[in-house]
């Protein structure tokens, strides 16, 4: 996540992302994002 002046305020590496659970994800968008074993599961579509 970045502020408008391009300063990074939040960054996750691969190891940190792998430890996320569904309770850690807050999704305000229509896409139903889920935590997978090794990545985030994000459906593709228009």
C-alpha atoms as a PDB file:
ATOM      1  CA  UNK A   1       0.000   0.000   0.000  1.00  0.00           C
ATOM      2  CA  UNK A   2       1.342   3.441  -0.858  1.00  0.00           C
ATOM      3  CA  UNK A   3       0.472   6.995   0.046  1.00  0.00           C
ATOM      4  CA  UNK A   4      -0.066   9.501  -2.762  1.00  0.00           C
ATOM      5  CA  UNK A   5       3.573  10.647  -2.393  1.00  0.00           C
ATOM      6  CA  UNK A   6       4.767   7.078  -3.215  1.00  0.00           C
ATOM      7  CA  UNK A   7       5.918   6.279   0.340  1.00  0.00           C
ATOM      8  CA  UNK A   8       5.253   2.632   1.146  1.00  0.00           C
ATOM      9  CA  UNK A   9       3.192   2.285   4.330  1.00  0.00           C
ATOM     10  CA  UNK A  10       2.469  -1.456   4.206  1.00  0.00           C
ATOM     11  CA  UNK A  11       4.343  -4.289   2.563  1.00  0.00           C
ATOM     12  CA  UNK A  12       4.060  -8.092   2.811  1.00  0.00           C
ATOM     13  CA  UNK A  13       6.606 -10.610   1.598  1.00  0.00           C
ATOM     14  CA  UNK A  14       5.762 -14.120   0.424  1.00  0.00           C
ATOM     15  CA  UNK A  15       6.288 -15.642   3.875  1.00  0.00           C
ATOM     16  CA  UNK A  16       4.010 -13.099   5.583  1.00  0.00           C
ATOM     17  CA  UNK A  17       1.265 -13.600   2.982  1.00  0.00           C
ATOM     18  CA  UNK A  18       1.369 -17.369   3.509  1.00  0.00           C
ATOM     19  CA  UNK A  19       0.500 -16.895   7.199  1.00  0.00           C
ATOM     20  CA  UNK A  20      -2.670 -14.869   6.554  1.00  0.00           C
ATOM     21  CA  UNK A  21      -5.977 -16.486   7.463  1.00  0.00           C
ATOM     22  CA  UNK A  22      -9.425 -15.623   6.116  1.00  0.00           C
ATOM     23  CA  UNK A  23     -10.066 -13.617   9.304  1.00  0.00           C
ATOM     24  CA  UNK A  24      -7.092 -11.373   8.389  1.00  0.00           C
ATOM     25  CA  UNK A  25      -8.632 -10.399   5.041  1.00  0.00           C
ATOM     26  CA  UNK A  26     -11.079  -7.517   4.837  1.00  0.00           C
ATOM     27  CA  UNK A  27     -12.490  -7.245   1.338  1.00  0.00           C
ATOM     28  CA  UNK A  28     -14.603  -4.220   0.440  1.00  0.00           C
ATOM     29  CA  UNK A  29     -14.880  -5.253  -3.207  1.00  0.00           C
ATOM     30  CA  UNK A  30     -17.203  -7.577  -5.093  1.00  0.00           C
ATOM     31  CA  UNK A  31     -14.453 -10.159  -5.775  1.00  0.00           C
ATOM     32  CA  UNK A  32     -14.417 -12.923  -3.170  1.00  0.00           C
ATOM     33  CA  UNK A  33     -10.762 -13.116  -2.131  1.00  0.00           C
ATOM     34  CA  UNK A  34      -9.725 -16.125  -0.055  1.00  0.00           C
ATOM     35  CA  UNK A  35      -6.491 -17.222   1.567  1.00  0.00           C
ATOM     36  CA  UNK A  36      -4.968 -20.238  -0.182  1.00  0.00           C
ATOM     37  CA  UNK A  37      -2.201 -22.484   1.105  1.00  0.00           C
ATOM     38  CA  UNK A  38       0.517 -20.545  -0.739  1.00  0.00           C
ATOM     39  CA  UNK A  39      -1.237 -17.446  -2.098  1.00  0.00           C
ATOM     40  CA  UNK A  40      -4.401 -15.389  -2.248  1.00  0.00           C
ATOM     41  CA  UNK A  41      -7.183 -16.849  -4.397  1.00  0.00           C
ATOM     42  CA  UNK A  42      -8.681 -14.063  -6.488  1.00  0.00           C
ATOM     43  CA  UNK A  43     -11.268 -14.839  -9.178  1.00  0.00           C
ATOM     44  CA  UNK A  44     -10.660 -13.256 -12.570  1.00  0.00           C
ATOM     45  CA  UNK A  45     -13.416 -11.729 -14.637  1.00  0.00           C
ATOM     46  CA  UNK A  46     -14.997  -8.574 -15.976  1.00  0.00           C
END
